[in-house]
């Protein structure tokens, strides 16, 4: 949980608004703040982190949720799988 300067919970709309401002300032495509969880899961998976560890990091109750909803199989992962067939 994140807190404001005075210790109260941050309203999710304020996080999203501030994140949009940061994306605009950085000149990158705007995404939802929540999408960062998906990116994190995918990057960890690409680095070979076991799915159970990613599940724990994201706080999911099941590795199936992590794998089916949060991890995008990238071209790099697919290429690595095909290369191992040689």
PDB file of N, CA and C in Angstrom:
ATOM      1  N   UNK A   1       0.841  -1.163   0.000  1.00  0.00           N
ATOM      2  CA  UNK A   1       0.000   0.000   0.000  1.00  0.00           C
ATOM      3  C   UNK A   1       0.891   1.232   0.000  1.00  0.00           C
ATOM      4  N   UNK A   2       0.506   2.195  -0.784  1.00  0.00           N
ATOM      5  CA  UNK A   2       1.218   3.460  -0.832  1.00  0.00           C
ATOM      6  C   UNK A   2       0.435   4.496  -0.029  1.00  0.00           C
ATOM      7  N   UNK A   3       1.151   5.428   0.530  1.00  0.00           N
ATOM      8  CA  UNK A   3       0.502   6.467   1.322  1.00  0.00           C
ATOM      9  C   UNK A   3       0.878   7.855   0.799  1.00  0.00           C
ATOM     10  N   UNK A   4       0.018   8.817   1.110  1.00  0.00           N
ATOM     11  CA  UNK A   4       0.293  10.207   0.753  1.00  0.00           C
ATOM     12  C   UNK A   4       1.331  10.766   1.730  1.00  0.00           C
ATOM     13  N   UNK A   5       1.703  12.006   1.519  1.00  0.00           N
ATOM     14  CA  UNK A   5       2.673  12.648   2.406  1.00  0.00           C
ATOM     15  C   UNK A   5       2.164  12.740   3.839  1.00  0.00           C
ATOM     16  N   UNK A   6       0.843  12.738   4.008  1.00  0.00           N
ATOM     17  CA  UNK A   6       0.290  12.844   5.365  1.00  0.00           C
ATOM     18  C   UNK A   6      -0.132  11.490   5.928  1.00  0.00           C
ATOM     19  N   UNK A   7       0.184  10.405   5.201  1.00  0.00           N
ATOM     20  CA  UNK A   7      -0.046   9.065   5.718  1.00  0.00           C
ATOM     21  C   UNK A   7      -1.369   8.420   5.360  1.00  0.00           C
ATOM     22  N   UNK A   8      -2.200   9.096   4.592  1.00  0.00           N
ATOM     23  CA  UNK A   8      -3.468   8.495   4.188  1.00  0.00           C
ATOM     24  C   UNK A   8      -3.278   7.676   2.915  1.00  0.00           C
ATOM     25  N   UNK A   9      -4.159   6.688   2.669  1.00  0.00           N
ATOM     26  CA  UNK A   9      -4.024   5.883   1.443  1.00  0.00           C
ATOM     27  C   UNK A   9      -4.172   6.755   0.196  1.00  0.00           C
ATOM     28  N   UNK A  10      -3.405   6.421  -0.820  1.00  0.00           N
ATOM     29  CA  UNK A  10      -3.480   7.142  -2.086  1.00  0.00           C
ATOM     30  C   UNK A  10      -4.687   6.632  -2.863  1.00  0.00           C
ATOM     31  N   UNK A  11      -5.465   7.534  -3.378  1.00  0.00           N
ATOM     32  CA  UNK A  11      -6.594   7.176  -4.225  1.00  0.00           C
ATOM     33  C   UNK A  11      -6.034   6.603  -5.531  1.00  0.00           C
ATOM     34  N   UNK A  12      -6.500   5.412  -5.954  1.00  0.00           N
ATOM     35  CA  UNK A  12      -5.981   4.812  -7.190  1.00  0.00           C
ATOM     36  C   UNK A  12      -6.074   5.731  -8.402  1.00  0.00           C
ATOM     37  N   UNK A  13      -7.097   6.577  -8.460  1.00  0.00           N
ATOM     38  CA  UNK A  13      -7.212   7.504  -9.593  1.00  0.00           C
ATOM     39  C   UNK A  13      -6.047   8.472  -9.628  1.00  0.00           C
ATOM     40  N   UNK A  14      -5.546   8.854  -8.452  1.00  0.00           N
ATOM     41  CA  UNK A  14      -4.404   9.769  -8.413  1.00  0.00           C
ATOM     42  C   UNK A  14      -3.129   9.077  -8.901  1.00  0.00           C
ATOM     43  N   UNK A  15      -2.977   7.803  -8.557  1.00  0.00           N
ATOM     44  CA  UNK A  15      -1.819   7.051  -9.055  1.00  0.00           C
ATOM     45  C   UNK A  15      -1.878   6.977 -10.571  1.00  0.00           C
ATOM     46  N   UNK A  16      -3.050   6.631 -11.097  1.00  0.00           N
ATOM     47  CA  UNK A  16      -3.194   6.519 -12.551  1.00  0.00           C
ATOM     48  C   UNK A  16      -2.939   7.856 -13.236  1.00  0.00           C
ATOM     49  N   UNK A  17      -3.454   8.927 -12.670  1.00  0.00           N
ATOM     50  CA  UNK A  17      -3.270  10.254 -13.250  1.00  0.00           C
ATOM     51  C   UNK A  17      -1.788  10.639 -13.268  1.00  0.00           C
ATOM     52  N   UNK A  18      -1.109  10.405 -12.161  1.00  0.00           N
ATOM     53  CA  UNK A  18       0.315  10.740 -12.077  1.00  0.00           C
ATOM     54  C   UNK A  18       1.130   9.860 -13.032  1.00  0.00           C
ATOM     55  N   UNK A  19       0.778   8.582 -13.132  1.00  0.00           N
ATOM     56  CA  UNK A  19       1.483   7.677 -14.029  1.00  0.00           C
ATOM     57  C   UNK A  19       1.306   8.115 -15.483  1.00  0.00           C
ATOM     58  N   UNK A  20       0.098   8.553 -15.848  1.00  0.00           N
ATOM     59  CA  UNK A  20      -0.133   9.058 -17.210  1.00  0.00           C
ATOM     60  C   UNK A  20       0.744  10.274 -17.496  1.00  0.00           C
ATOM     61  N   UNK A  21       0.870  11.157 -16.508  1.00  0.00           N
ATOM     62  CA  UNK A  21       1.726  12.337 -16.669  1.00  0.00           C
ATOM     63  C   UNK A  21       3.182  11.923 -16.887  1.00  0.00           C
ATOM     64  N   UNK A  22       3.638  10.916 -16.146  1.00  0.00           N
ATOM     65  CA  UNK A  22       5.011  10.431 -16.299  1.00  0.00           C
ATOM     66  C   UNK A  22       5.229   9.826 -17.686  1.00  0.00           C
ATOM     67  N   UNK A  23       4.254   9.060 -18.161  1.00  0.00           N
ATOM     68  CA  UNK A  23       4.359   8.470 -19.505  1.00  0.00           C
ATOM     69  C   UNK A  23       4.453   9.558 -20.563  1.00  0.00           C
ATOM     70  N   UNK A  24       3.610  10.563 -20.432  1.00  0.00           N
ATOM     71  CA  UNK A  24       3.616  11.671 -21.387  1.00  0.00           C
ATOM     72  C   UNK A  24       4.951  12.399 -21.357  1.00  0.00           C
ATOM     73  N   UNK A  25       5.438  12.683 -20.166  1.00  0.00           N
ATOM     74  CA  UNK A  25       6.713  13.395 -20.028  1.00  0.00           C
ATOM     75  C   UNK A  25       7.871  12.582 -20.602  1.00  0.00           C
ATOM     76  N   UNK A  26       7.794  11.256 -20.473  1.00  0.00           N
ATOM     77  CA  UNK A  26       8.860  10.394 -20.981  1.00  0.00           C
ATOM     78  C   UNK A  26       8.716  10.117 -22.473  1.00  0.00           C
ATOM     79  N   UNK A  27       7.576  10.489 -23.032  1.00  0.00           N
ATOM     80  CA  UNK A  27       7.357  10.267 -24.461  1.00  0.00           C
ATOM     81  C   UNK A  27       7.100   8.824 -24.812  1.00  0.00           C
ATOM     82  N   UNK A  28       6.550   8.071 -23.869  1.00  0.00           N
ATOM     83  CA  UNK A  28       6.233   6.665 -24.137  1.00  0.00           C
ATOM     84  C   UNK A  28       4.726   6.483 -24.203  1.00  0.00           C
ATOM     85  N   UNK A  29       4.324   5.392 -24.819  1.00  0.00           N
ATOM     86  CA  UNK A  29       2.908   5.073 -24.955  1.00  0.00           C
ATOM     87  C   UNK A  29       2.285   4.922 -23.576  1.00  0.00           C
ATOM     88  N   UNK A  30       1.105   5.474 -23.403  1.00  0.00           N
ATOM     89  CA  UNK A  30       0.429   5.366 -22.114  1.00  0.00           C
ATOM     90  C   UNK A  30      -0.188   3.985 -21.954  1.00  0.00           C
ATOM     91  N   UNK A  31       0.031   3.401 -20.806  1.00  0.00           N
ATOM     92  CA  UNK A  31      -0.574   2.129 -20.441  1.00  0.00           C
ATOM     93  C   UNK A  31      -1.197   2.297 -19.066  1.00  0.00           C
ATOM     94  N   UNK A  32      -1.979   1.319 -18.658  1.00  0.00           N
ATOM     95  CA  UNK A  32      -2.537   1.358 -17.309  1.00  0.00           C
ATOM     96  C   UNK A  32      -1.417   1.050 -16.314  1.00  0.00           C
ATOM     97  N   UNK A  33      -1.493   1.648 -15.152  1.00  0.00           N
ATOM     98  CA  UNK A  33      -0.499   1.385 -14.105  1.00  0.00           C
ATOM     99  C   UNK A  33      -0.452  -0.106 -13.800  1.00  0.00           C
ATOM    100  N   UNK A  34      -1.626  -0.738 -13.788  1.00  0.00           N
ATOM    101  CA  UNK A  34      -1.710  -2.173 -13.491  1.00  0.00           C
ATOM    102  C   UNK A  34      -0.942  -3.015 -14.513  1.00  0.00           C
ATOM    103  N   UNK A  35      -0.805  -2.515 -15.731  1.00  0.00           N
ATOM    104  CA  UNK A  35      -0.081  -3.257 -16.770  1.00  0.00           C
ATOM    105  C   UNK A  35       1.382  -3.492 -16.398  1.00  0.00           C
ATOM    106  N   UNK A  36       1.904  -2.704 -15.472  1.00  0.00           N
ATOM    107  CA  UNK A  36       3.285  -2.900 -15.025  1.00  0.00           C
ATOM    108  C   UNK A  36       3.455  -4.273 -14.368  1.00  0.00           C
ATOM    109  N   UNK A  37       2.394  -4.784 -13.731  1.00  0.00           N
ATOM    110  CA  UNK A  37       2.445  -6.126 -13.138  1.00  0.00           C
ATOM    111  C   UNK A  37       2.646  -7.185 -14.225  1.00  0.00           C
ATOM    112  N   UNK A  38       1.945  -7.006 -15.345  1.00  0.00           N
ATOM    113  CA  UNK A  38       2.081  -7.940 -16.459  1.00  0.00           C
ATOM    114  C   UNK A  38       3.499  -7.876 -17.030  1.00  0.00           C
ATOM    115  N   UNK A  39       4.009  -6.667 -17.184  1.00  0.00           N
ATOM    116  CA  UNK A  39       5.375  -6.501 -17.699  1.00  0.00           C
ATOM    117  C   UNK A  39       6.388  -7.134 -16.766  1.00  0.00           C
ATOM    118  N   UNK A  40       6.219  -6.920 -15.482  1.00  0.00           N
ATOM    119  CA  UNK A  40       7.126  -7.491 -14.495  1.00  0.00           C
ATOM    120  C   UNK A  40       7.124  -9.014 -14.587  1.00  0.00           C
ATOM    121  N   UNK A  41       5.936  -9.607 -14.633  1.00  0.00           N
ATOM    122  CA  UNK A  41       5.825 -11.067 -14.707  1.00  0.00           C
ATOM    123  C   UNK A  41       6.492 -11.595 -15.967  1.00  0.00           C
ATOM    124  N   UNK A  42       6.255 -10.936 -17.086  1.00  0.00           N
ATOM    125  CA  UNK A  42       6.836 -11.380 -18.354  1.00  0.00           C
ATOM    126  C   UNK A  42       8.358 -11.261 -18.336  1.00  0.00           C
ATOM    127  N   UNK A  43       8.881 -10.151 -17.827  1.00  0.00           N
ATOM    128  CA  UNK A  43      10.335  -9.969 -17.777  1.00  0.00           C
ATOM    129  C   UNK A  43      10.994 -10.976 -16.844  1.00  0.00           C
ATOM    130  N   UNK A  44      10.369 -11.247 -15.717  1.00  0.00           N
ATOM    131  CA  UNK A  44      10.917 -12.263 -14.805  1.00  0.00           C
ATOM    132  C   UNK A  44      10.925 -13.637 -15.477  1.00  0.00           C
ATOM    133  N   UNK A  45       9.845 -13.960 -16.177  1.00  0.00           N
ATOM    134  CA  UNK A  45       9.743 -15.245 -16.878  1.00  0.00           C
ATOM    135  C   UNK A  45      10.823 -15.364 -17.949  1.00  0.00           C
ATOM    136  N   UNK A  46      11.043 -14.279 -18.695  1.00  0.00           N
ATOM    137  CA  UNK A  46      12.094 -14.279 -19.722  1.00  0.00           C
ATOM    138  C   UNK A  46      13.474 -14.508 -19.122  1.00  0.00           C
ATOM    139  N   UNK A  47      13.665 -14.060 -17.886  1.00  0.00           N
ATOM    140  CA  UNK A  47      14.964 -14.214 -17.228  1.00  0.00           C
ATOM    141  C   UNK A  47      15.128 -15.591 -16.587  1.00  0.00           C
ATOM    142  N   UNK A  48      14.120 -16.450 -16.733  1.00  0.00           N
ATOM    143  CA  UNK A  48      14.217 -17.804 -16.222  1.00  0.00           C
ATOM    144  C   UNK A  48      13.779 -17.968 -14.769  1.00  0.00           C
ATOM    145  N   UNK A  49      13.120 -16.962 -14.212  1.00  0.00           N
ATOM    146  CA  UNK A  49      12.627 -17.075 -12.834  1.00  0.00           C
ATOM    147  C   UNK A  49      11.490 -18.089 -12.824  1.00  0.00           C
ATOM    148  N   UNK A  50      11.522 -19.059 -11.914  1.00  0.00           N
ATOM    149  CA  UNK A  50      10.453 -20.070 -11.863  1.00  0.00           C
ATOM    150  C   UNK A  50       9.078 -19.439 -11.641  1.00  0.00           C
ATOM    151  N   UNK A  51       8.070 -20.034 -12.269  1.00  0.00           N
ATOM    152  CA  UNK A  51       6.710 -19.503 -12.201  1.00  0.00           C
ATOM    153  C   UNK A  51       6.219 -19.400 -10.758  1.00  0.00           C
ATOM    154  N   UNK A  52       6.612 -20.342  -9.898  1.00  0.00           N
ATOM    155  CA  UNK A  52       6.194 -20.295  -8.494  1.00  0.00           C
ATOM    156  C   UNK A  52       6.746 -19.050  -7.792  1.00  0.00           C
ATOM    157  N   UNK A  53       7.964 -18.660  -8.144  1.00  0.00           N
ATOM    158  CA  UNK A  53       8.552 -17.456  -7.549  1.00  0.00           C
ATOM    159  C   UNK A  53       7.853 -16.188  -8.046  1.00  0.00           C
ATOM    160  N   UNK A  54       7.478 -16.193  -9.330  1.00  0.00           N
ATOM    161  CA  UNK A  54       6.752 -15.042  -9.879  1.00  0.00           C
ATOM    162  C   UNK A  54       5.380 -14.956  -9.219  1.00  0.00           C
ATOM    163  N   UNK A  55       4.742 -16.093  -9.052  1.00  0.00           N
ATOM    164  CA  UNK A  55       3.443 -16.153  -8.378  1.00  0.00           C
ATOM    165  C   UNK A  55       3.542 -15.538  -6.989  1.00  0.00           C
ATOM    166  N   UNK A  56       4.571 -15.929  -6.244  1.00  0.00           N
ATOM    167  CA  UNK A  56       4.755 -15.388  -4.890  1.00  0.00           C
ATOM    168  C   UNK A  56       4.982 -13.878  -4.914  1.00  0.00           C
ATOM    169  N   UNK A  57       5.788 -13.412  -5.869  1.00  0.00           N
ATOM    170  CA  UNK A  57       6.088 -11.981  -5.949  1.00  0.00           C
ATOM    171  C   UNK A  57       4.835 -11.161  -6.246  1.00  0.00           C
ATOM    172  N   UNK A  58       3.942 -11.716  -7.070  1.00  0.00           N
ATOM    173  CA  UNK A  58       2.726 -10.996  -7.434  1.00  0.00           C
ATOM    174  C   UNK A  58       1.587 -11.236  -6.451  1.00  0.00           C
ATOM    175  N   UNK A  59       1.766 -12.196  -5.553  1.00  0.00           N
ATOM    176  CA  UNK A  59       0.742 -12.461  -4.549  1.00  0.00           C
ATOM    177  C   UNK A  59      -0.446 -13.248  -5.063  1.00  0.00           C
ATOM    178  N   UNK A  60      -0.228 -14.057  -6.083  1.00  0.00           N
ATOM    179  CA  UNK A  60      -1.321 -14.863  -6.619  1.00  0.00           C
ATOM    180  C   UNK A  60      -1.487 -16.152  -5.818  1.00  0.00           C
ATOM    181  N   UNK A  61      -2.706 -16.660  -5.799  1.00  0.00           N
ATOM    182  CA  UNK A  61      -2.995 -17.891  -5.064  1.00  0.00           C
ATOM    183  C   UNK A  61      -2.622 -19.123  -5.867  1.00  0.00           C
ATOM    184  N   UNK A  62      -2.424 -18.969  -7.157  1.00  0.00           N
ATOM    185  CA  UNK A  62      -2.165 -20.119  -8.021  1.00  0.00           C
ATOM    186  C   UNK A  62      -1.180 -19.742  -9.124  1.00  0.00           C
ATOM    187  N   UNK A  63      -0.254 -20.652  -9.446  1.00  0.00           N
ATOM    188  CA  UNK A  63       0.656 -20.367 -10.564  1.00  0.00           C
ATOM    189  C   UNK A  63      -0.090 -20.327 -11.905  1.00  0.00           C
ATOM    190  N   UNK A  64      -1.242 -20.976 -11.957  1.00  0.00           N
ATOM    191  CA  UNK A  64      -2.038 -20.971 -13.184  1.00  0.00           C
ATOM    192  C   UNK A  64      -2.495 -19.560 -13.518  1.00  0.00           C
ATOM    193  N   UNK A  65      -2.939 -18.820 -12.517  1.00  0.00           N
ATOM    194  CA  UNK A  65      -3.363 -17.422 -12.739  1.00  0.00           C
ATOM    195  C   UNK A  65      -2.192 -16.620 -13.273  1.00  0.00           C
ATOM    196  N   UNK A  66      -1.030 -16.797 -12.652  1.00  0.00           N
ATOM    197  CA  UNK A  66       0.160 -16.058 -13.079  1.00  0.00           C
ATOM    198  C   UNK A  66       0.482 -16.361 -14.533  1.00  0.00           C
ATOM    199  N   UNK A  67       0.487 -17.631 -14.884  1.00  0.00           N
ATOM    200  CA  UNK A  67       0.886 -18.035 -16.229  1.00  0.00           C
ATOM    201  C   UNK A  67      -0.150 -17.647 -17.281  1.00  0.00           C
ATOM    202  N   UNK A  68      -1.408 -17.876 -17.011  1.00  0.00           N
ATOM    203  CA  UNK A  68      -2.432 -17.636 -18.027  1.00  0.00           C
ATOM    204  C   UNK A  68      -2.799 -16.164 -18.203  1.00  0.00           C
ATOM    205  N   UNK A  69      -2.744 -15.402 -17.137  1.00  0.00           N
ATOM    206  CA  UNK A  69      -3.215 -14.017 -17.206  1.00  0.00           C
ATOM    207  C   UNK A  69      -2.078 -13.007 -17.261  1.00  0.00           C
ATOM    208  N   UNK A  70      -0.992 -13.267 -16.553  1.00  0.00           N
ATOM    209  CA  UNK A  70       0.023 -12.230 -16.387  1.00  0.00           C
ATOM    210  C   UNK A  70       1.254 -12.371 -17.265  1.00  0.00           C
ATOM    211  N   UNK A  71       1.536 -13.553 -17.767  1.00  0.00           N
ATOM    212  CA  UNK A  71       2.774 -13.738 -18.534  1.00  0.00           C
ATOM    213  C   UNK A  71       2.461 -13.814 -20.020  1.00  0.00           C
ATOM    214  N   UNK A  72       3.074 -12.927 -20.772  1.00  0.00           N
ATOM    215  CA  UNK A  72       2.982 -12.948 -22.228  1.00  0.00           C
ATOM    216  C   UNK A  72       4.198 -13.700 -22.755  1.00  0.00           C
ATOM    217  N   UNK A  73       3.971 -14.685 -23.593  1.00  0.00           N
ATOM    218  CA  UNK A  73       5.097 -15.416 -24.169  1.00  0.00           C
ATOM    219  C   UNK A  73       5.641 -14.580 -25.310  1.00  0.00           C
ATOM    220  N   UNK A  74       6.849 -14.092 -25.120  1.00  0.00           N
ATOM    221  CA  UNK A  74       7.453 -13.203 -26.104  1.00  0.00           C
ATOM    222  C   UNK A  74       8.161 -14.006 -27.184  1.00  0.00           C
ATOM    223  N   UNK A  75       8.493 -13.312 -28.246  1.00  0.00           N
ATOM    224  CA  UNK A  75       9.212 -13.948 -29.355  1.00  0.00           C
ATOM    225  C   UNK A  75      10.541 -14.531 -28.863  1.00  0.00           C
ATOM    226  N   UNK A  76      11.190 -13.845 -27.936  1.00  0.00           N
ATOM    227  CA  UNK A  76      12.470 -14.319 -27.403  1.00  0.00           C
ATOM    228  C   UNK A  76      12.305 -15.679 -26.713  1.00  0.00           C
ATOM    229  N   UNK A  77      11.232 -15.816 -25.948  1.00  0.00           N
ATOM    230  CA  UNK A  77      10.964 -17.094 -25.243  1.00  0.00           C
ATOM    231  C   UNK A  77      10.636 -18.175 -26.271  1.00  0.00           C
ATOM    232  N   UNK A  78       9.814 -17.850 -27.263  1.00  0.00           N
ATOM    233  CA  UNK A  78       9.471 -18.817 -28.289  1.00  0.00           C
ATOM    234  C   UNK A  78      10.697 -19.264 -29.077  1.00  0.00           C
ATOM    235  N   UNK A  79      11.558 -18.299 -29.424  1.00  0.00           N
ATOM    236  CA  UNK A  79      12.763 -18.611 -30.186  1.00  0.00           C
ATOM    237  C   UNK A  79      13.687 -19.526 -29.361  1.00  0.00           C
ATOM    238  N   UNK A  80      13.805 -19.225 -28.066  1.00  0.00           N
ATOM    239  CA  UNK A  80      14.628 -20.053 -27.201  1.00  0.00           C
ATOM    240  C   UNK A  80      14.124 -21.481 -27.123  1.00  0.00           C
ATOM    241  N   UNK A  81      12.790 -21.634 -27.098  1.00  0.00           N
ATOM    242  CA  UNK A  81      12.215 -22.974 -27.043  1.00  0.00           C
ATOM    243  C   UNK A  81      12.507 -23.731 -28.333  1.00  0.00           C
ATOM    244  N   UNK A  82      12.362 -23.073 -29.468  1.00  0.00           N
ATOM    245  CA  UNK A  82      12.623 -23.702 -30.754  1.00  0.00           C
ATOM    246  C   UNK A  82      14.116 -24.026 -30.889  1.00  0.00           C
ATOM    247  N   UNK A  83      14.984 -23.126 -30.444  1.00  0.00           N
ATOM    248  CA  UNK A  83      16.427 -23.373 -30.533  1.00  0.00           C
ATOM    249  C   UNK A  83      16.833 -24.600 -29.722  1.00  0.00           C
ATOM    250  N   UNK A  84      16.144 -24.862 -28.627  1.00  0.00           N
ATOM    251  CA  UNK A  84      16.488 -26.022 -27.804  1.00  0.00           C
ATOM    252  C   UNK A  84      16.116 -27.336 -28.502  1.00  0.00           C
ATOM    253  N   UNK A  85      15.264 -27.275 -29.534  1.00  0.00           N
ATOM    254  CA  UNK A  85      14.897 -28.482 -30.273  1.00  0.00           C
ATOM    255  C   UNK A  85      16.039 -28.982 -31.138  1.00  0.00           C
ATOM    256  N   UNK A  86      16.967 -28.102 -31.489  1.00  0.00           N
ATOM    257  CA  UNK A  86      18.101 -28.516 -32.339  1.00  0.00           C
ATOM    258  C   UNK A  86      18.870 -29.545 -31.641  1.00  0.00           C
TER     259      UNK A  86
END
